[in-house]
C-alpha atoms as a PDB file:
ATOM      1  CA  MET A   1      17.572  26.571  24.599  1.00  0.00           C
ATOM      2  CA  LEU A   2      18.504  23.449  22.710  1.00  0.00           C
ATOM      3  CA  THR A   3      16.276  22.085  20.037  1.00  0.00           C
ATOM      4  CA  ALA A   4      16.724  18.593  18.763  1.00  0.00           C
ATOM      5  CA  LEU A   5      15.827  17.710  15.244  1.00  0.00           C
ATOM      6  CA  ARG A   6      14.361  14.290  14.963  1.00  0.00           C
ATOM      7  CA  GLU A   7      15.208  12.194  11.992  1.00  0.00           C
ATOM      8  CA  GLN A   8      13.505   8.938  11.261  1.00  0.00           C
ATOM      9  CA  GLY A   9      15.964   6.101  11.438  1.00  0.00           C
ATOM     10  CA  VAL A  10      16.610   4.055   8.368  1.00  0.00           C
ATOM     11  CA  ILE A  11      15.401   0.514   8.791  1.00  0.00           C
ATOM     12  CA  PRO A  12      17.347  -1.940   6.655  1.00  0.00           C
ATOM     13  CA  VAL A  13      15.339  -4.321   4.493  1.00  0.00           C
ATOM     14  CA  THR A  14      16.121  -7.919   5.420  1.00  0.00           C
ATOM     15  CA  ASP A  15      14.607  -9.646   2.350  1.00  0.00           C
ATOM     16  CA  PRO A  16      15.206  -7.319  -0.608  1.00  0.00           C
ATOM     17  CA  GLU A  17      13.855  -9.753  -3.214  1.00  0.00           C
ATOM     18  CA  SER A  18      10.418 -10.292  -1.618  1.00  0.00           C
ATOM     19  CA  PHE A  19      10.274  -6.672  -0.472  1.00  0.00           C
ATOM     20  CA  GLY A  20      10.960  -5.448  -3.996  1.00  0.00           C
ATOM     21  CA  ALA A  21       8.304  -7.726  -5.479  1.00  0.00           C
ATOM     22  CA  VAL A  22       5.611  -6.509  -3.056  1.00  0.00           C
ATOM     23  CA  GLN A  23       6.672  -2.892  -3.520  1.00  0.00           C
ATOM     24  CA  ALA A  24       6.536  -3.320  -7.319  1.00  0.00           C
ATOM     25  CA  ALA A  25       2.987  -4.736  -7.077  1.00  0.00           C
ATOM     26  CA  ILE A  26       1.894  -1.708  -5.040  1.00  0.00           C
ATOM     27  CA  GLU A  27       3.604   0.703  -7.440  1.00  0.00           C
ATOM     28  CA  ALA A  28       1.882  -0.996 -10.383  1.00  0.00           C
ATOM     29  CA  ALA A  29      -1.543  -0.808  -8.714  1.00  0.00           C
ATOM     30  CA  PHE A  30      -1.138   2.910  -8.022  1.00  0.00           C
ATOM     31  CA  SER A  31       0.416   3.763 -11.395  1.00  0.00           C
ATOM     32  CA  ALA A  32      -1.458   6.362 -13.413  1.00  0.00           C
ATOM     33  CA  ALA A  33      -2.418   3.749 -16.001  1.00  0.00           C
ATOM     34  CA  ARG A  34      -3.898   1.262 -13.506  1.00  0.00           C
ATOM     35  CA  VAL A  35      -5.057   3.163 -10.433  1.00  0.00           C
ATOM     36  CA  GLN A  36      -8.656   3.599 -11.598  1.00  0.00           C
ATOM     37  CA  ASP A  37      -9.007  -0.150 -12.270  1.00  0.00           C
ATOM     38  CA  PHE A  38      -7.438  -0.874  -8.879  1.00  0.00           C
ATOM     39  CA  LEU A  39      -9.930   1.421  -7.148  1.00  0.00           C
ATOM     40  CA  LYS A  40     -12.841  -0.158  -9.053  1.00  0.00           C
ATOM     41  CA  SER A  41     -11.723  -3.625  -7.946  1.00  0.00           C
ATOM     42  CA  LEU A  42     -11.675  -2.478  -4.318  1.00  0.00           C
ATOM     43  CA  LEU A  43     -15.176  -1.062  -4.718  1.00  0.00           C
ATOM     44  CA  ARG A  44     -16.471  -4.301  -6.258  1.00  0.00           C
ATOM     45  CA  ALA A  45     -14.894  -6.319  -3.434  1.00  0.00           C
ATOM     46  CA  GLY A  46     -16.454  -4.029  -0.814  1.00  0.00           C
ATOM     47  CA  LEU A  47     -13.086  -3.139   0.702  1.00  0.00           C
ATOM     48  CA  ARG A  48     -11.808   0.136   2.057  1.00  0.00           C
ATOM     49  CA  ILE A  49      -8.531   1.309   0.648  1.00  0.00           C
ATOM     50  CA  ARG A  50      -6.758   1.561   4.011  1.00  0.00           C
ATOM     51  CA  ASP A  51      -7.424  -2.104   4.918  1.00  0.00           C
ATOM     52  CA  PHE A  52      -4.115  -3.261   3.477  1.00  0.00           C
ATOM     53  CA  GLU A  53      -4.161  -6.812   4.844  1.00  0.00           C
ATOM     54  CA  LEU A  54      -7.690  -7.398   3.481  1.00  0.00           C
ATOM     55  CA  VAL A  55      -6.731  -5.964   0.083  1.00  0.00           C
ATOM     56  CA  LEU A  56      -3.705  -8.235   0.084  1.00  0.00           C
ATOM     57  CA  GLY A  57      -5.669 -11.279   1.230  1.00  0.00           C
ATOM     58  CA  LYS A  58      -8.282 -10.871  -1.524  1.00  0.00           C
ATOM     59  CA  GLY A  59      -5.518 -11.015  -4.150  1.00  0.00           C
ATOM     60  CA  ILE A  60      -6.264  -7.566  -5.523  1.00  0.00           C
ATOM     61  CA  LEU A  61      -2.551  -6.747  -5.618  1.00  0.00           C
ATOM     62  CA  GLY A  62      -1.870 -10.016  -7.442  1.00  0.00           C
ATOM     63  CA  ALA A  63      -2.029 -13.628  -6.343  1.00  0.00           C
ATOM     64  CA  PRO A  64       1.644 -14.097  -5.355  1.00  0.00           C
ATOM     65  CA  THR A  65       1.889 -10.773  -3.521  1.00  0.00           C
ATOM     66  CA  ALA A  66       0.297 -12.044  -0.297  1.00  0.00           C
ATOM     67  CA  SER A  67       2.710 -14.969   0.009  1.00  0.00           C
ATOM     68  CA  GLN A  68       5.681 -12.712  -0.731  1.00  0.00           C
ATOM     69  CA  TYR A  69       4.452 -10.266   1.922  1.00  0.00           C
ATOM     70  CA  ASN A  70       4.016 -13.087   4.453  1.00  0.00           C
ATOM     71  CA  ARG A  71       7.650 -14.152   3.918  1.00  0.00           C
ATOM     72  CA  LEU A  72       8.815 -10.724   5.089  1.00  0.00           C
ATOM     73  CA  GLY A  73       9.844 -10.051   8.662  1.00  0.00           C
ATOM     74  CA  ASN A  74       7.900  -7.667  10.878  1.00  0.00           C
ATOM     75  CA  GLY A  75      10.122  -4.690  10.063  1.00  0.00           C
ATOM     76  CA  ASP A  76       9.838  -5.224   6.314  1.00  0.00           C
ATOM     77  CA  GLN A  77       6.071  -5.701   6.584  1.00  0.00           C
ATOM     78  CA  GLY A  78       5.830  -2.416   8.471  1.00  0.00           C
ATOM     79  CA  LEU A  79       7.771  -0.624   5.752  1.00  0.00           C
ATOM     80  CA  ILE A  80       5.498  -2.095   3.093  1.00  0.00           C
ATOM     81  CA  ARG A  81       2.378  -0.999   4.978  1.00  0.00           C
ATOM     82  CA  GLU A  82       3.799   2.521   5.248  1.00  0.00           C
ATOM     83  CA  PHE A  83       4.634   2.513   1.538  1.00  0.00           C
ATOM     84  CA  TYR A  84       1.091   1.360   0.669  1.00  0.00           C
ATOM     85  CA  LEU A  85      -0.507   4.022   2.878  1.00  0.00           C
ATOM     86  CA  ALA A  86       1.732   6.725   1.419  1.00  0.00           C
ATOM     87  CA  SER A  87       0.855   5.539  -2.100  1.00  0.00           C
ATOM     88  CA  LEU A  88      -2.895   5.734  -1.535  1.00  0.00           C
ATOM     89  CA  GLU A  89      -2.523   9.343  -0.395  1.00  0.00           C
ATOM     90  CA  GLN A  90      -0.819  10.201  -3.709  1.00  0.00           C
ATOM     91  CA  VAL A  91      -3.892   9.306  -5.795  1.00  0.00           C
ATOM     92  CA  ALA A  92      -5.137  12.242  -7.853  1.00  0.00           C
ATOM     93  CA  PRO A  93      -7.733  14.347  -6.005  1.00  0.00           C
ATOM     94  CA  GLU A  94     -10.387  13.853  -8.682  1.00  0.00           C
ATOM     95  CA  LEU A  95     -10.119  10.074  -8.330  1.00  0.00           C
ATOM     96  CA  ARG A  96     -10.236  10.353  -4.556  1.00  0.00           C
ATOM     97  CA  VAL A  97     -13.494  12.292  -4.882  1.00  0.00           C
ATOM     98  CA  LYS A  98     -14.894   9.811  -7.402  1.00  0.00           C
ATOM     99  CA  PHE A  99     -14.033   6.883  -5.105  1.00  0.00           C
ATOM    100  CA  SER A 100     -14.688   8.724  -1.846  1.00  0.00           C
ATOM    101  CA  LYS A 101     -16.481   5.686  -0.396  1.00  0.00           C
ATOM    102  CA  LEU A 102     -13.162   3.812  -0.429  1.00  0.00           C
ATOM    103  CA  TYR A 103     -11.439   6.620   1.447  1.00  0.00           C
ATOM    104  CA  ALA A 104     -14.185   7.112   4.060  1.00  0.00           C
ATOM    105  CA  TYR A 105     -13.264   6.548   7.709  1.00  0.00           C
ATOM    106  CA  TYR A 106     -16.643   5.270   8.894  1.00  0.00           C
END
């Protein structure tokens, strides 16, 4: 019996400058020093953490981040969304409990 291992293909980034700027804004928001303030700003805005486009549109990741994201192609935008979603899952468990309303699926 043959078993095939599946590896996710590597998607090349087409606009490294804009991609890097958006990725840096996400990394900064989820950094240990700033993540609690980021979560508080989402709570004040009434946003859920997984609504990336709404978070972006409200300027919570920084004013220029939305325009840089919009310059990206579909593939790059998809990679950024995946990076954002992976980052929000890395938040410390105690903060996730404290801000459980942001993480709720309802």
